[in-house]
C-alpha atoms as a PDB file:
ATOM      1  CA  UNK A   1     -28.953 -26.143   3.860  1.00  0.00           C
ATOM      2  CA  UNK A   2     -31.183 -23.843   5.919  1.00  0.00           C
ATOM      3  CA  UNK A   3     -28.369 -22.547   8.023  1.00  0.00           C
ATOM      4  CA  UNK A   4     -26.193 -21.961   5.080  1.00  0.00           C
ATOM      5  CA  UNK A   5     -29.084 -19.688   3.610  1.00  0.00           C
ATOM      6  CA  UNK A   6     -29.432 -17.962   6.576  1.00  0.00           C
ATOM      7  CA  UNK A   7     -25.744 -17.108   6.821  1.00  0.00           C
ATOM      8  CA  UNK A   8     -25.694 -15.724   3.289  1.00  0.00           C
ATOM      9  CA  UNK A   9     -28.714 -13.763   3.822  1.00  0.00           C
ATOM     10  CA  UNK A  10     -26.933 -12.364   7.091  1.00  0.00           C
ATOM     11  CA  UNK A  11     -23.777 -11.718   5.154  1.00  0.00           C
ATOM     12  CA  UNK A  12     -25.531  -9.694   2.519  1.00  0.00           C
ATOM     13  CA  UNK A  13     -27.729  -7.879   4.770  1.00  0.00           C
ATOM     14  CA  UNK A  14     -24.192  -7.181   6.834  1.00  0.00           C
ATOM     15  CA  UNK A  15     -22.809  -5.698   3.635  1.00  0.00           C
ATOM     16  CA  UNK A  16     -26.034  -3.606   2.783  1.00  0.00           C
ATOM     17  CA  UNK A  17     -26.346  -2.275   6.450  1.00  0.00           C
ATOM     18  CA  UNK A  18     -22.447  -1.403   6.112  1.00  0.00           C
ATOM     19  CA  UNK A  19     -22.637   0.534   2.847  1.00  0.00           C
ATOM     20  CA  UNK A  20     -26.155   2.292   3.552  1.00  0.00           C
ATOM     21  CA  UNK A  21     -24.019   3.684   6.816  1.00  0.00           C
ATOM     22  CA  UNK A  22     -20.810   4.580   5.130  1.00  0.00           C
ATOM     23  CA  UNK A  23     -21.189   5.316   1.613  1.00  0.00           C
ATOM     24  CA  UNK A  24     -22.723   8.534   1.112  1.00  0.00           C
ATOM     25  CA  UNK A  25     -21.211   9.462  -1.963  1.00  0.00           C
ATOM     26  CA  UNK A  26     -24.062  10.791  -4.517  1.00  0.00           C
ATOM     27  CA  UNK A  27     -22.105  11.939  -7.565  1.00  0.00           C
ATOM     28  CA  UNK A  28     -21.606  10.334 -11.286  1.00  0.00           C
ATOM     29  CA  UNK A  29     -21.531   6.778 -11.451  1.00  0.00           C
ATOM     30  CA  UNK A  30     -22.913   6.235  -7.785  1.00  0.00           C
ATOM     31  CA  UNK A  31     -23.583   2.656  -8.194  1.00  0.00           C
ATOM     32  CA  UNK A  32     -19.970   1.678  -9.640  1.00  0.00           C
ATOM     33  CA  UNK A  33     -18.307   3.802  -7.164  1.00  0.00           C
ATOM     34  CA  UNK A  34     -20.314   2.425  -3.961  1.00  0.00           C
ATOM     35  CA  UNK A  35     -19.342  -1.272  -5.432  1.00  0.00           C
ATOM     36  CA  UNK A  36     -15.697  -0.290  -5.641  1.00  0.00           C
ATOM     37  CA  UNK A  37     -15.728   0.969  -1.789  1.00  0.00           C
ATOM     38  CA  UNK A  38     -17.175  -2.518  -1.044  1.00  0.00           C
ATOM     39  CA  UNK A  39     -14.247  -4.095  -2.750  1.00  0.00           C
ATOM     40  CA  UNK A  40     -12.097  -2.040  -0.929  1.00  0.00           C
ATOM     41  CA  UNK A  41     -13.740  -2.791   2.473  1.00  0.00           C
ATOM     42  CA  UNK A  42     -13.571  -6.330   1.645  1.00  0.00           C
ATOM     43  CA  UNK A  43      -9.850  -6.463   0.926  1.00  0.00           C
ATOM     44  CA  UNK A  44      -9.279  -4.938   4.499  1.00  0.00           C
ATOM     45  CA  UNK A  45      -7.962  -7.296   6.994  1.00  0.00           C
ATOM     46  CA  UNK A  46     -10.038  -5.552  10.288  1.00  0.00           C
ATOM     47  CA  UNK A  47      -8.034  -7.027  13.006  1.00  0.00           C
ATOM     48  CA  UNK A  48      -5.091  -4.667  11.510  1.00  0.00           C
ATOM     49  CA  UNK A  49      -6.490  -2.150   8.699  1.00  0.00           C
ATOM     50  CA  UNK A  50      -4.044  -3.543   6.137  1.00  0.00           C
ATOM     51  CA  UNK A  51      -5.349  -4.235   2.762  1.00  0.00           C
ATOM     52  CA  UNK A  52      -4.550  -6.639   0.228  1.00  0.00           C
ATOM     53  CA  UNK A  53      -3.430  -5.951  -3.149  1.00  0.00           C
ATOM     54  CA  UNK A  54      -5.583  -8.779  -4.339  1.00  0.00           C
ATOM     55  CA  UNK A  55      -7.084 -11.898  -2.820  1.00  0.00           C
ATOM     56  CA  UNK A  56      -5.260 -14.345  -5.051  1.00  0.00           C
ATOM     57  CA  UNK A  57      -2.166 -16.427  -5.742  1.00  0.00           C
ATOM     58  CA  UNK A  58      -1.242 -18.275  -8.899  1.00  0.00           C
ATOM     59  CA  UNK A  59      -3.294 -16.461 -11.051  1.00  0.00           C
ATOM     60  CA  UNK A  60      -1.659 -16.178 -14.203  1.00  0.00           C
ATOM     61  CA  UNK A  61      -0.786 -13.012 -16.207  1.00  0.00           C
ATOM     62  CA  UNK A  62      -1.182 -15.460 -19.273  1.00  0.00           C
ATOM     63  CA  UNK A  63      -2.370 -18.794 -19.576  1.00  0.00           C
ATOM     64  CA  UNK A  64       0.256 -21.484 -19.389  1.00  0.00           C
ATOM     65  CA  UNK A  65       2.685 -18.650 -18.235  1.00  0.00           C
ATOM     66  CA  UNK A  66       5.008 -18.590 -15.084  1.00  0.00           C
ATOM     67  CA  UNK A  67       3.954 -15.167 -14.221  1.00  0.00           C
ATOM     68  CA  UNK A  68       1.539 -15.955 -11.494  1.00  0.00           C
ATOM     69  CA  UNK A  69       2.629 -14.593  -8.304  1.00  0.00           C
ATOM     70  CA  UNK A  70       1.172 -14.062  -4.815  1.00  0.00           C
ATOM     71  CA  UNK A  71      -0.826 -10.815  -4.432  1.00  0.00           C
ATOM     72  CA  UNK A  72      -2.184 -11.266  -0.807  1.00  0.00           C
ATOM     73  CA  UNK A  73      -0.374  -8.552   0.923  1.00  0.00           C
ATOM     74  CA  UNK A  74       0.032  -4.941   1.559  1.00  0.00           C
ATOM     75  CA  UNK A  75       2.084  -2.695  -0.852  1.00  0.00           C
ATOM     76  CA  UNK A  76       3.261   0.339  -0.045  1.00  0.00           C
ATOM     77  CA  UNK A  77       3.167   1.776  -3.461  1.00  0.00           C
ATOM     78  CA  UNK A  78      -0.648   1.427  -3.311  1.00  0.00           C
ATOM     79  CA  UNK A  79      -1.047   3.590  -0.216  1.00  0.00           C
ATOM     80  CA  UNK A  80      -1.660   6.867  -2.043  1.00  0.00           C
ATOM     81  CA  UNK A  81      -4.143   5.396  -4.392  1.00  0.00           C
ATOM     82  CA  UNK A  82      -5.677   3.595  -1.582  1.00  0.00           C
ATOM     83  CA  UNK A  83      -6.120   6.618   0.813  1.00  0.00           C
ATOM     84  CA  UNK A  84      -7.374   8.580  -1.962  1.00  0.00           C
ATOM     85  CA  UNK A  85     -10.120   6.275  -2.617  1.00  0.00           C
ATOM     86  CA  UNK A  86     -11.051   5.869   1.224  1.00  0.00           C
ATOM     87  CA  UNK A  87     -11.029   9.628   1.669  1.00  0.00           C
ATOM     88  CA  UNK A  88     -13.404  10.322  -1.435  1.00  0.00           C
ATOM     89  CA  UNK A  89     -15.768   7.671  -0.203  1.00  0.00           C
ATOM     90  CA  UNK A  90     -15.742   9.395   2.926  1.00  0.00           C
ATOM     91  CA  UNK A  91     -14.467   6.074   4.885  1.00  0.00           C
ATOM     92  CA  UNK A  92     -12.268   8.202   7.120  1.00  0.00           C
ATOM     93  CA  UNK A  93     -11.931   5.617   9.555  1.00  0.00           C
ATOM     94  CA  UNK A  94     -10.564   2.857   7.454  1.00  0.00           C
ATOM     95  CA  UNK A  95      -8.409   5.536   6.041  1.00  0.00           C
ATOM     96  CA  UNK A  96      -7.174   6.059   9.935  1.00  0.00           C
ATOM     97  CA  UNK A  97      -6.765   2.425  10.603  1.00  0.00           C
ATOM     98  CA  UNK A  98      -4.556   1.848   7.372  1.00  0.00           C
ATOM     99  CA  UNK A  99      -2.228   4.814   8.330  1.00  0.00           C
ATOM    100  CA  UNK A 100      -2.201   3.084  12.023  1.00  0.00           C
ATOM    101  CA  UNK A 101      -1.011  -0.236  10.367  1.00  0.00           C
ATOM    102  CA  UNK A 102       1.759   1.747   8.254  1.00  0.00           C
ATOM    103  CA  UNK A 103       2.803   3.058  11.693  1.00  0.00           C
ATOM    104  CA  UNK A 104       2.972  -0.162  13.353  1.00  0.00           C
ATOM    105  CA  UNK A 105       5.668  -1.510  10.721  1.00  0.00           C
ATOM    106  CA  UNK A 106       8.855  -2.539  11.237  1.00  0.00           C
ATOM    107  CA  UNK A 107      11.426  -0.867   9.198  1.00  0.00           C
ATOM    108  CA  UNK A 108      14.240  -2.864   7.726  1.00  0.00           C
ATOM    109  CA  UNK A 109      17.752  -2.401   9.027  1.00  0.00           C
ATOM    110  CA  UNK A 110      18.665   0.669   7.344  1.00  0.00           C
ATOM    111  CA  UNK A 111      15.196   2.337   8.477  1.00  0.00           C
ATOM    112  CA  UNK A 112      13.216   1.998   5.387  1.00  0.00           C
ATOM    113  CA  UNK A 113       9.624   0.421   4.981  1.00  0.00           C
ATOM    114  CA  UNK A 114      10.054  -2.491   2.830  1.00  0.00           C
ATOM    115  CA  UNK A 115       7.892  -2.413  -0.409  1.00  0.00           C
ATOM    116  CA  UNK A 116       5.502  -5.112   0.907  1.00  0.00           C
ATOM    117  CA  UNK A 117       4.110  -6.397   4.248  1.00  0.00           C
ATOM    118  CA  UNK A 118       2.046  -9.340   5.450  1.00  0.00           C
ATOM    119  CA  UNK A 119      -1.406  -8.141   6.526  1.00  0.00           C
ATOM    120  CA  UNK A 120      -0.477  -9.114  10.139  1.00  0.00           C
ATOM    121  CA  UNK A 121       2.534  -6.663   9.423  1.00  0.00           C
ATOM    122  CA  UNK A 122       5.292  -9.618   9.147  1.00  0.00           C
ATOM    123  CA  UNK A 123       8.385  -8.788   7.094  1.00  0.00           C
ATOM    124  CA  UNK A 124       9.362 -12.391   6.060  1.00  0.00           C
ATOM    125  CA  UNK A 125       7.260 -13.163   2.780  1.00  0.00           C
ATOM    126  CA  UNK A 126       9.826 -15.715   1.573  1.00  0.00           C
ATOM    127  CA  UNK A 127       8.512 -17.540  -1.659  1.00  0.00           C
ATOM    128  CA  UNK A 128       7.998 -21.134  -1.746  1.00  0.00           C
ATOM    129  CA  UNK A 129       5.835 -23.384  -4.120  1.00  0.00           C
ATOM    130  CA  UNK A 130       3.128 -26.029  -3.815  1.00  0.00           C
ATOM    131  CA  UNK A 131       4.006 -28.499  -6.562  1.00  0.00           C
ATOM    132  CA  UNK A 132       1.109 -31.101  -5.670  1.00  0.00           C
ATOM    133  CA  UNK A 133      -1.315 -27.980  -6.552  1.00  0.00           C
ATOM    134  CA  UNK A 134      -2.152 -26.104  -9.889  1.00  0.00           C
ATOM    135  CA  UNK A 135      -3.577 -22.361  -9.840  1.00  0.00           C
ATOM    136  CA  UNK A 136      -6.448 -21.013 -12.392  1.00  0.00           C
ATOM    137  CA  UNK A 137      -6.507 -22.893 -15.596  1.00  0.00           C
ATOM    138  CA  UNK A 138      -3.831 -25.343 -14.414  1.00  0.00           C
ATOM    139  CA  UNK A 139      -1.242 -22.565 -13.488  1.00  0.00           C
ATOM    140  CA  UNK A 140       2.037 -24.017 -12.394  1.00  0.00           C
ATOM    141  CA  UNK A 141       3.777 -23.119  -9.965  1.00  0.00           C
ATOM    142  CA  UNK A 142       1.276 -22.389  -7.106  1.00  0.00           C
ATOM    143  CA  UNK A 143       3.416 -19.544  -5.251  1.00  0.00           C
ATOM    144  CA  UNK A 144       3.074 -19.073  -1.139  1.00  0.00           C
ATOM    145  CA  UNK A 145       4.854 -15.637  -0.199  1.00  0.00           C
ATOM    146  CA  UNK A 146       6.730 -13.227  -2.986  1.00  0.00           C
ATOM    147  CA  UNK A 147      10.055 -13.110  -3.713  1.00  0.00           C
ATOM    148  CA  UNK A 148      10.254  -9.258  -4.400  1.00  0.00           C
ATOM    149  CA  UNK A 149       9.517  -8.677  -0.761  1.00  0.00           C
ATOM    150  CA  UNK A 150      13.175  -7.380  -0.002  1.00  0.00           C
ATOM    151  CA  UNK A 151      13.796  -6.068  -3.170  1.00  0.00           C
ATOM    152  CA  UNK A 152      15.452  -2.240  -3.197  1.00  0.00           C
ATOM    153  CA  UNK A 153      12.413  -0.266  -4.997  1.00  0.00           C
ATOM    154  CA  UNK A 154      13.327   3.431  -4.456  1.00  0.00           C
ATOM    155  CA  UNK A 155       9.885   4.457  -4.992  1.00  0.00           C
ATOM    156  CA  UNK A 156       8.559   3.527  -1.960  1.00  0.00           C
ATOM    157  CA  UNK A 157       9.530   6.415  -0.168  1.00  0.00           C
ATOM    158  CA  UNK A 158       7.670   8.787  -2.026  1.00  0.00           C
ATOM    159  CA  UNK A 159       4.448   6.174  -2.109  1.00  0.00           C
ATOM    160  CA  UNK A 160       4.712   6.244   1.962  1.00  0.00           C
ATOM    161  CA  UNK A 161       5.218  10.049   2.304  1.00  0.00           C
ATOM    162  CA  UNK A 162       2.861  11.221  -0.162  1.00  0.00           C
ATOM    163  CA  UNK A 163       0.006   9.122   1.548  1.00  0.00           C
ATOM    164  CA  UNK A 164       0.914  10.613   4.657  1.00  0.00           C
ATOM    165  CA  UNK A 165       0.552  14.391   3.472  1.00  0.00           C
ATOM    166  CA  UNK A 166      -2.569  13.158   1.727  1.00  0.00           C
ATOM    167  CA  UNK A 167      -4.106  11.816   4.920  1.00  0.00           C
ATOM    168  CA  UNK A 168      -2.685  14.922   7.084  1.00  0.00           C
ATOM    169  CA  UNK A 169      -4.195  17.478   4.628  1.00  0.00           C
ATOM    170  CA  UNK A 170      -7.578  15.476   5.105  1.00  0.00           C
ATOM    171  CA  UNK A 171      -7.313  14.894   8.851  1.00  0.00           C
ATOM    172  CA  UNK A 172      -6.206  18.458   9.374  1.00  0.00           C
ATOM    173  CA  UNK A 173      -3.469  17.135  11.781  1.00  0.00           C
ATOM    174  CA  UNK A 174      -0.299  15.436  11.862  1.00  0.00           C
ATOM    175  CA  UNK A 175      -0.015  12.153  13.967  1.00  0.00           C
ATOM    176  CA  UNK A 176       2.568  12.147  16.184  1.00  0.00           C
ATOM    177  CA  UNK A 177       3.036   8.600  15.488  1.00  0.00           C
ATOM    178  CA  UNK A 178       3.640   9.152  11.638  1.00  0.00           C
ATOM    179  CA  UNK A 179       6.449  11.887  12.094  1.00  0.00           C
ATOM    180  CA  UNK A 180       8.954   9.588  12.578  1.00  0.00           C
ATOM    181  CA  UNK A 181       8.413   7.711   9.529  1.00  0.00           C
ATOM    182  CA  UNK A 182       8.719  11.152   7.781  1.00  0.00           C
ATOM    183  CA  UNK A 183      11.851  11.400   9.018  1.00  0.00           C
ATOM    184  CA  UNK A 184      13.314   8.164   8.489  1.00  0.00           C
ATOM    185  CA  UNK A 185      12.001   7.953   4.931  1.00  0.00           C
ATOM    186  CA  UNK A 186      13.200  11.206   3.775  1.00  0.00           C
ATOM    187  CA  UNK A 187      16.514  10.481   5.266  1.00  0.00           C
ATOM    188  CA  UNK A 188      16.618   7.030   3.242  1.00  0.00           C
ATOM    189  CA  UNK A 189      15.416   8.890   0.084  1.00  0.00           C
ATOM    190  CA  UNK A 190      18.280  11.275   0.366  1.00  0.00           C
ATOM    191  CA  UNK A 191      20.638   8.128   0.722  1.00  0.00           C
ATOM    192  CA  UNK A 192      19.622   6.141  -2.243  1.00  0.00           C
ATOM    193  CA  UNK A 193      18.285   8.419  -4.766  1.00  0.00           C
ATOM    194  CA  UNK A 194      21.159   8.343  -6.926  1.00  0.00           C
ATOM    195  CA  UNK A 195      21.500   4.581  -6.789  1.00  0.00           C
ATOM    196  CA  UNK A 196      20.051   1.647  -9.114  1.00  0.00           C
ATOM    197  CA  UNK A 197      17.283  -0.234  -7.923  1.00  0.00           C
ATOM    198  CA  UNK A 198      14.689  -2.896  -9.087  1.00  0.00           C
ATOM    199  CA  UNK A 199      11.995  -0.505 -10.119  1.00  0.00           C
ATOM    200  CA  UNK A 200       8.079  -0.441 -10.189  1.00  0.00           C
ATOM    201  CA  UNK A 201       8.043  -3.678 -12.331  1.00  0.00           C
ATOM    202  CA  UNK A 202      10.038  -5.645  -9.428  1.00  0.00           C
ATOM    203  CA  UNK A 203      12.172  -6.687 -12.044  1.00  0.00           C
ATOM    204  CA  UNK A 204      14.084 -10.095 -10.829  1.00  0.00           C
ATOM    205  CA  UNK A 205      17.437  -9.120 -12.564  1.00  0.00           C
ATOM    206  CA  UNK A 206      20.541  -6.673 -12.234  1.00  0.00           C
ATOM    207  CA  UNK A 207      19.472  -3.428 -10.715  1.00  0.00           C
ATOM    208  CA  UNK A 208      19.036  -0.235 -13.058  1.00  0.00           C
ATOM    209  CA  UNK A 209      18.511   3.323 -13.109  1.00  0.00           C
ATOM    210  CA  UNK A 210      14.352   4.081 -13.747  1.00  0.00           C
ATOM    211  CA  UNK A 211      12.981   7.126 -14.057  1.00  0.00           C
ATOM    212  CA  UNK A 212       9.897   6.359 -11.941  1.00  0.00           C
ATOM    213  CA  UNK A 213      12.003   5.644  -9.149  1.00  0.00           C
ATOM    214  CA  UNK A 214      13.968   9.131  -9.235  1.00  0.00           C
ATOM    215  CA  UNK A 215      10.810  10.839  -9.607  1.00  0.00           C
ATOM    216  CA  UNK A 216       9.083   9.353  -6.418  1.00  0.00           C
ATOM    217  CA  UNK A 217      12.119  10.014  -4.667  1.00  0.00           C
ATOM    218  CA  UNK A 218      11.675  13.506  -5.688  1.00  0.00           C
ATOM    219  CA  UNK A 219       7.774  13.038  -4.436  1.00  0.00           C
ATOM    220  CA  UNK A 220       9.294  11.959  -1.252  1.00  0.00           C
ATOM    221  CA  UNK A 221      11.284  14.639  -0.714  1.00  0.00           C
ATOM    222  CA  UNK A 222       9.106  17.298  -1.661  1.00  0.00           C
ATOM    223  CA  UNK A 223       6.247  15.596   0.660  1.00  0.00           C
ATOM    224  CA  UNK A 224       8.717  15.654   3.309  1.00  0.00           C
ATOM    225  CA  UNK A 225       9.404  19.160   3.080  1.00  0.00           C
ATOM    226  CA  UNK A 226       5.801  20.109   2.658  1.00  0.00           C
ATOM    227  CA  UNK A 227       5.058  17.946   6.220  1.00  0.00           C
ATOM    228  CA  UNK A 228       8.008  19.728   8.024  1.00  0.00           C
ATOM    229  CA  UNK A 229       6.179  23.011   7.009  1.00  0.00           C
ATOM    230  CA  UNK A 230       3.282  21.999   8.546  1.00  0.00           C
ATOM    231  CA  UNK A 231       4.629  20.736  11.593  1.00  0.00           C
ATOM    232  CA  UNK A 232       6.611  24.119  11.879  1.00  0.00           C
ATOM    233  CA  UNK A 233      10.097  22.795  11.468  1.00  0.00           C
ATOM    234  CA  UNK A 234      11.901  25.332   8.796  1.00  0.00           C
ATOM    235  CA  UNK A 235      15.121  23.844   8.748  1.00  0.00           C
ATOM    236  CA  UNK A 236      14.289  20.421   7.874  1.00  0.00           C
ATOM    237  CA  UNK A 237      11.820  21.960   5.343  1.00  0.00           C
ATOM    238  CA  UNK A 238      14.661  23.814   3.677  1.00  0.00           C
ATOM    239  CA  UNK A 239      17.051  21.072   3.538  1.00  0.00           C
ATOM    240  CA  UNK A 240      14.386  18.402   2.091  1.00  0.00           C
ATOM    241  CA  UNK A 241      13.241  20.925  -0.414  1.00  0.00           C
ATOM    242  CA  UNK A 242      17.021  21.337  -1.321  1.00  0.00           C
ATOM    243  CA  UNK A 243      17.209  17.779  -1.878  1.00  0.00           C
ATOM    244  CA  UNK A 244      14.101  17.661  -3.796  1.00  0.00           C
ATOM    245  CA  UNK A 245      15.351  20.570  -5.988  1.00  0.00           C
ATOM    246  CA  UNK A 246      18.307  18.626  -6.843  1.00  0.00           C
END
């Protein structure tokens, strides 16, 4: 009991120390903002810089329903919002670690990034169930993995490129490692923006045309064009801007 109490005290002091050093925000709702910063830090996997969507699996959307998914992975869709929060909180080191994680990710066979990855960068998140277990309030089935990992969701290109532009503007430089991602994701968006997909809600049915997916493909080409301008490549800037206009 004494050892447990000491470890808990050390853990709490470690978080207070981290918060005192890293959280300089003094604006409105200071306590809530600082608490949100601690939550983001707690969701971060330090060895890679990945940030999980949520630390839960089999937490049902409705009690007794089957929509109880495994969210312990990193969604590319979350990148821009996550980076905005990290930068607003002056957690620039954590933001850079996350972008390095994105730079290390293995693309799919056509060069696109998946919509989500494991916190160690793994691509295969095949979904299985643990029938001998129950989740919150008896939720069933308990899921490990997420069957949406290999879906085509055309908004992913805009999410990634918006986050790269945001990070570039904040750090005042475009990391060399990120430029190949800009090129590959822009070209992927050009190829697929007119095609149906599973959409932001990860529908497990027939692909359809979603406004949000078209909009985010525009974001992809708009941000890519801006990044090409920052890099001093007028030809690519004009090419990608033209597709964005289309």
